[in-house]
């Protein structure tokens, strides 16, 4: 009768040690993430007609992210000039579908487009009945704002496209 008890104690001790090691690992990862919070944030991929636009066209501008031990924030005041300095517009054709994807599941997403490239006003881009948004039909430069909420916080991204005429 003594053997099963000793065996059970060893199993329980092993289980406690594994849980403790996992908790310590998560705490260490969280501490490292707070030193470089942008590495822990979701990555935005914008696709136009199924092809990803250049990463140089996407800019993570603001965030609030909840770590176990702290809350990290970055707040940038949006100006058309600082966004144009941060991104290089990707050339796209008119009326192509745009999809927004993240490296982790989002709770909600709002996409809006600047009234003009020199404007601080944004209008929400309403998806069609199938949930798709499209590149504008008129050639020109466009700045988009993507506001996303996640289980641990929220992030605001900007991306730029240059709609070119079809030949």
C-alpha atoms as a PDB file:
ATOM      1  CA  UNK A   1       0.000   0.000   0.000  1.00  0.00           C
ATOM      2  CA  UNK A   2       2.969   2.297   0.589  1.00  0.00           C
ATOM      3  CA  UNK A   3       4.215   2.048  -3.053  1.00  0.00           C
ATOM      4  CA  UNK A   4       1.096   3.603  -4.686  1.00  0.00           C
ATOM      5  CA  UNK A   5       1.184   6.568  -2.255  1.00  0.00           C
ATOM      6  CA  UNK A   6       4.845   7.305  -2.975  1.00  0.00           C
ATOM      7  CA  UNK A   7       4.167   7.007  -6.710  1.00  0.00           C
ATOM      8  CA  UNK A   8       1.180   9.371  -6.422  1.00  0.00           C
ATOM      9  CA  UNK A   9       3.247  11.897  -4.451  1.00  0.00           C
ATOM     10  CA  UNK A  10       5.961  11.829  -7.115  1.00  0.00           C
ATOM     11  CA  UNK A  11       3.372  12.387  -9.846  1.00  0.00           C
ATOM     12  CA  UNK A  12       1.801  15.302  -7.961  1.00  0.00           C
ATOM     13  CA  UNK A  13       5.195  16.836  -7.199  1.00  0.00           C
ATOM     14  CA  UNK A  14       6.175  16.520 -10.868  1.00  0.00           C
ATOM     15  CA  UNK A  15       2.916  18.160 -11.930  1.00  0.00           C
ATOM     16  CA  UNK A  16       3.414  21.055  -9.497  1.00  0.00           C
ATOM     17  CA  UNK A  17       6.985  21.558 -10.740  1.00  0.00           C
ATOM     18  CA  UNK A  18       5.849  21.586 -14.401  1.00  0.00           C
ATOM     19  CA  UNK A  19       3.132  24.163 -13.628  1.00  0.00           C
ATOM     20  CA  UNK A  20       5.630  26.268 -11.686  1.00  0.00           C
ATOM     21  CA  UNK A  21       8.144  26.135 -14.554  1.00  0.00           C
ATOM     22  CA  UNK A  22       5.441  27.157 -17.044  1.00  0.00           C
ATOM     23  CA  UNK A  23       4.381  30.095 -14.855  1.00  0.00           C
ATOM     24  CA  UNK A  24       7.987  31.255 -14.479  1.00  0.00           C
ATOM     25  CA  UNK A  25       8.507  30.978 -18.254  1.00  0.00           C
ATOM     26  CA  UNK A  26       5.406  33.085 -18.932  1.00  0.00           C
ATOM     27  CA  UNK A  27       6.531  35.674 -16.390  1.00  0.00           C
ATOM     28  CA  UNK A  28       9.982  35.884 -18.018  1.00  0.00           C
ATOM     29  CA  UNK A  29       8.442  36.192 -21.508  1.00  0.00           C
ATOM     30  CA  UNK A  30       6.133  38.940 -20.273  1.00  0.00           C
ATOM     31  CA  UNK A  31       9.072  40.796 -18.711  1.00  0.00           C
ATOM     32  CA  UNK A  32      11.034  40.549 -21.972  1.00  0.00           C
ATOM     33  CA  UNK A  33       8.000  41.677 -24.000  1.00  0.00           C
ATOM     34  CA  UNK A  34       7.603  44.796 -21.862  1.00  0.00           C
ATOM     35  CA  UNK A  35      11.188  45.766 -22.726  1.00  0.00           C
ATOM     36  CA  UNK A  36      10.328  45.562 -26.452  1.00  0.00           C
ATOM     37  CA  UNK A  37       6.518  45.819 -26.539  1.00  0.00           C
ATOM     38  CA  UNK A  38       6.206  46.173 -30.303  1.00  0.00           C
ATOM     39  CA  UNK A  39       7.567  42.631 -30.679  1.00  0.00           C
ATOM     40  CA  UNK A  40       4.551  41.324 -28.744  1.00  0.00           C
ATOM     41  CA  UNK A  41       1.961  43.260 -30.772  1.00  0.00           C
ATOM     42  CA  UNK A  42      -0.049  41.732 -33.611  1.00  0.00           C
ATOM     43  CA  UNK A  43       1.379  42.195 -37.088  1.00  0.00           C
ATOM     44  CA  UNK A  44      -0.958  43.654 -39.710  1.00  0.00           C
ATOM     45  CA  UNK A  45      -0.902  42.251 -43.227  1.00  0.00           C
ATOM     46  CA  UNK A  46      -2.843  44.136 -45.878  1.00  0.00           C
ATOM     47  CA  UNK A  47      -3.614  42.216 -49.051  1.00  0.00           C
ATOM     48  CA  UNK A  48      -4.749  43.762 -52.292  1.00  0.00           C
ATOM     49  CA  UNK A  49      -6.321  41.293 -54.700  1.00  0.00           C
ATOM     50  CA  UNK A  50      -4.785  38.490 -52.603  1.00  0.00           C
ATOM     51  CA  UNK A  51      -1.187  39.793 -52.736  1.00  0.00           C
ATOM     52  CA  UNK A  52       0.325  41.416 -49.633  1.00  0.00           C
ATOM     53  CA  UNK A  53       1.243  45.065 -50.010  1.00  0.00           C
ATOM     54  CA  UNK A  54       4.763  46.076 -49.055  1.00  0.00           C
ATOM     55  CA  UNK A  55       5.580  46.137 -45.329  1.00  0.00           C
ATOM     56  CA  UNK A  56       7.000  49.622 -46.023  1.00  0.00           C
ATOM     57  CA  UNK A  57       3.414  50.717 -46.713  1.00  0.00           C
ATOM     58  CA  UNK A  58       2.176  49.761 -43.219  1.00  0.00           C
ATOM     59  CA  UNK A  59       2.884  51.747 -40.051  1.00  0.00           C
ATOM     60  CA  UNK A  60       1.951  50.857 -36.475  1.00  0.00           C
ATOM     61  CA  UNK A  61       1.237  54.276 -34.997  1.00  0.00           C
ATOM     62  CA  UNK A  62      -0.422  53.784 -31.615  1.00  0.00           C
ATOM     63  CA  UNK A  63      -1.113  51.033 -29.134  1.00  0.00           C
ATOM     64  CA  UNK A  64      -2.179  50.171 -25.647  1.00  0.00           C
ATOM     65  CA  UNK A  65      -1.171  46.643 -24.689  1.00  0.00           C
ATOM     66  CA  UNK A  66      -1.825  44.878 -21.394  1.00  0.00           C
ATOM     67  CA  UNK A  67       0.958  42.680 -20.112  1.00  0.00           C
ATOM     68  CA  UNK A  68       0.702  40.692 -16.873  1.00  0.00           C
ATOM     69  CA  UNK A  69       2.805  43.150 -14.947  1.00  0.00           C
ATOM     70  CA  UNK A  70       2.168  46.431 -16.774  1.00  0.00           C
ATOM     71  CA  UNK A  71       0.340  48.334 -19.474  1.00  0.00           C
ATOM     72  CA  UNK A  72       2.417  49.736 -22.321  1.00  0.00           C
ATOM     73  CA  UNK A  73       1.204  52.685 -24.400  1.00  0.00           C
ATOM     74  CA  UNK A  74       2.444  54.533 -27.447  1.00  0.00           C
ATOM     75  CA  UNK A  75       0.494  57.576 -28.549  1.00  0.00           C
ATOM     76  CA  UNK A  76       1.502  59.469 -31.678  1.00  0.00           C
ATOM     77  CA  UNK A  77      -0.312  62.520 -32.897  1.00  0.00           C
ATOM     78  CA  UNK A  78      -1.411  61.801 -36.433  1.00  0.00           C
ATOM     79  CA  UNK A  79      -0.423  64.280 -39.091  1.00  0.00           C
ATOM     80  CA  UNK A  80      -0.482  63.561 -42.818  1.00  0.00           C
ATOM     81  CA  UNK A  81       3.165  64.605 -43.022  1.00  0.00           C
ATOM     82  CA  UNK A  82       4.441  62.162 -40.381  1.00  0.00           C
ATOM     83  CA  UNK A  83       2.524  59.283 -41.961  1.00  0.00           C
ATOM     84  CA  UNK A  84       3.925  60.097 -45.420  1.00  0.00           C
ATOM     85  CA  UNK A  85       7.393  60.134 -43.822  1.00  0.00           C
ATOM     86  CA  UNK A  86       6.802  56.675 -42.290  1.00  0.00           C
ATOM     87  CA  UNK A  87       5.291  54.806 -45.248  1.00  0.00           C
ATOM     88  CA  UNK A  88       5.928  54.282 -48.932  1.00  0.00           C
ATOM     89  CA  UNK A  89       2.678  53.850 -50.851  1.00  0.00           C
ATOM     90  CA  UNK A  90       2.241  50.583 -52.747  1.00  0.00           C
ATOM     91  CA  UNK A  91       1.017  50.924 -56.337  1.00  0.00           C
ATOM     92  CA  UNK A  92      -2.304  49.149 -56.907  1.00  0.00           C
ATOM     93  CA  UNK A  93      -5.008  49.115 -59.547  1.00  0.00           C
ATOM     94  CA  UNK A  94      -8.499  50.551 -58.992  1.00  0.00           C
ATOM     95  CA  UNK A  95     -11.456  48.512 -57.702  1.00  0.00           C
ATOM     96  CA  UNK A  96      -9.430  45.593 -56.288  1.00  0.00           C
ATOM     97  CA  UNK A  97     -10.450  43.857 -53.038  1.00  0.00           C
ATOM     98  CA  UNK A  98      -8.488  44.750 -49.905  1.00  0.00           C
ATOM     99  CA  UNK A  99      -8.274  42.319 -46.989  1.00  0.00           C
ATOM    100  CA  UNK A 100      -6.961  43.004 -43.491  1.00  0.00           C
ATOM    101  CA  UNK A 101      -5.261  40.172 -41.563  1.00  0.00           C
ATOM    102  CA  UNK A 102      -3.499  40.012 -38.212  1.00  0.00           C
ATOM    103  CA  UNK A 103      -1.006  37.617 -36.658  1.00  0.00           C
ATOM    104  CA  UNK A 104      -3.541  37.018 -33.836  1.00  0.00           C
ATOM    105  CA  UNK A 105      -7.338  37.090 -33.723  1.00  0.00           C
ATOM    106  CA  UNK A 106      -8.905  40.542 -33.490  1.00  0.00           C
ATOM    107  CA  UNK A 107     -12.083  41.261 -31.550  1.00  0.00           C
ATOM    108  CA  UNK A 108     -13.031  44.172 -33.807  1.00  0.00           C
ATOM    109  CA  UNK A 109     -11.641  46.170 -36.709  1.00  0.00           C
ATOM    110  CA  UNK A 110     -12.590  49.552 -38.145  1.00  0.00           C
ATOM    111  CA  UNK A 111     -11.112  50.712 -41.446  1.00  0.00           C
ATOM    112  CA  UNK A 112     -11.281  54.347 -42.499  1.00  0.00           C
ATOM    113  CA  UNK A 113      -9.704  56.411 -45.263  1.00  0.00           C
ATOM    114  CA  UNK A 114      -8.344  59.954 -45.094  1.00  0.00           C
ATOM    115  CA  UNK A 115     -10.519  62.460 -46.903  1.00  0.00           C
ATOM    116  CA  UNK A 116      -7.343  63.501 -48.774  1.00  0.00           C
ATOM    117  CA  UNK A 117      -3.636  62.819 -48.308  1.00  0.00           C
ATOM    118  CA  UNK A 118      -3.316  66.200 -46.570  1.00  0.00           C
ATOM    119  CA  UNK A 119      -6.323  65.713 -44.282  1.00  0.00           C
ATOM    120  CA  UNK A 120      -6.579  64.679 -40.659  1.00  0.00           C
ATOM    121  CA  UNK A 121     -10.219  63.697 -41.218  1.00  0.00           C
ATOM    122  CA  UNK A 122     -11.054  60.060 -41.866  1.00  0.00           C
ATOM    123  CA  UNK A 123     -14.260  58.500 -43.160  1.00  0.00           C
ATOM    124  CA  UNK A 124     -15.193  54.927 -42.268  1.00  0.00           C
ATOM    125  CA  UNK A 125     -14.930  52.562 -45.215  1.00  0.00           C
ATOM    126  CA  UNK A 126     -18.102  50.515 -45.269  1.00  0.00           C
ATOM    127  CA  UNK A 127     -17.649  46.960 -46.559  1.00  0.00           C
ATOM    128  CA  UNK A 128     -20.018  45.607 -49.204  1.00  0.00           C
ATOM    129  CA  UNK A 129     -22.649  42.960 -48.403  1.00  0.00           C
ATOM    130  CA  UNK A 130     -19.941  40.269 -48.514  1.00  0.00           C
ATOM    131  CA  UNK A 131     -17.697  42.173 -46.085  1.00  0.00           C
ATOM    132  CA  UNK A 132     -15.190  43.292 -48.737  1.00  0.00           C
ATOM    133  CA  UNK A 133     -13.616  46.702 -49.169  1.00  0.00           C
ATOM    134  CA  UNK A 134     -12.015  47.835 -52.419  1.00  0.00           C
ATOM    135  CA  UNK A 135      -9.324  50.162 -53.678  1.00  0.00           C
ATOM    136  CA  UNK A 136     -10.777  53.478 -54.838  1.00  0.00           C
ATOM    137  CA  UNK A 137     -11.852  53.757 -58.492  1.00  0.00           C
ATOM    138  CA  UNK A 138     -10.069  57.092 -58.963  1.00  0.00           C
ATOM    139  CA  UNK A 139      -6.267  57.195 -59.364  1.00  0.00           C
ATOM    140  CA  UNK A 140      -4.393  58.949 -56.571  1.00  0.00           C
ATOM    141  CA  UNK A 141      -2.680  58.495 -53.221  1.00  0.00           C
ATOM    142  CA  UNK A 142      -4.723  57.237 -50.258  1.00  0.00           C
ATOM    143  CA  UNK A 143      -4.017  56.814 -46.549  1.00  0.00           C
ATOM    144  CA  UNK A 144      -6.011  54.265 -44.543  1.00  0.00           C
ATOM    145  CA  UNK A 145      -6.390  53.957 -40.798  1.00  0.00           C
ATOM    146  CA  UNK A 146      -7.026  50.542 -39.216  1.00  0.00           C
ATOM    147  CA  UNK A 147      -8.190  50.462 -35.603  1.00  0.00           C
ATOM    148  CA  UNK A 148      -8.126  46.984 -34.090  1.00  0.00           C
ATOM    149  CA  UNK A 149      -9.069  45.629 -30.666  1.00  0.00           C
ATOM    150  CA  UNK A 150      -7.565  42.437 -29.301  1.00  0.00           C
ATOM    151  CA  UNK A 151      -7.932  40.479 -26.074  1.00  0.00           C
ATOM    152  CA  UNK A 152      -4.922  42.289 -24.565  1.00  0.00           C
ATOM    153  CA  UNK A 153      -5.336  45.786 -25.978  1.00  0.00           C
ATOM    154  CA  UNK A 154      -5.755  47.880 -29.088  1.00  0.00           C
ATOM    155  CA  UNK A 155      -3.569  49.046 -31.963  1.00  0.00           C
ATOM    156  CA  UNK A 156      -3.903  51.725 -34.640  1.00  0.00           C
ATOM    157  CA  UNK A 157      -2.158  51.107 -37.948  1.00  0.00           C
ATOM    158  CA  UNK A 158      -1.903  53.247 -41.072  1.00  0.00           C
ATOM    159  CA  UNK A 159      -1.182  52.114 -44.592  1.00  0.00           C
ATOM    160  CA  UNK A 160      -0.834  53.916 -47.888  1.00  0.00           C
ATOM    161  CA  UNK A 161      -1.650  52.928 -51.447  1.00  0.00           C
ATOM    162  CA  UNK A 162      -1.260  54.699 -54.758  1.00  0.00           C
ATOM    163  CA  UNK A 163      -4.036  53.816 -57.170  1.00  0.00           C
ATOM    164  CA  UNK A 164      -2.731  53.874 -60.726  1.00  0.00           C
ATOM    165  CA  UNK A 165      -4.684  53.918 -63.969  1.00  0.00           C
ATOM    166  CA  UNK A 166      -5.175  50.737 -65.920  1.00  0.00           C
ATOM    167  CA  UNK A 167      -3.372  50.597 -69.235  1.00  0.00           C
END
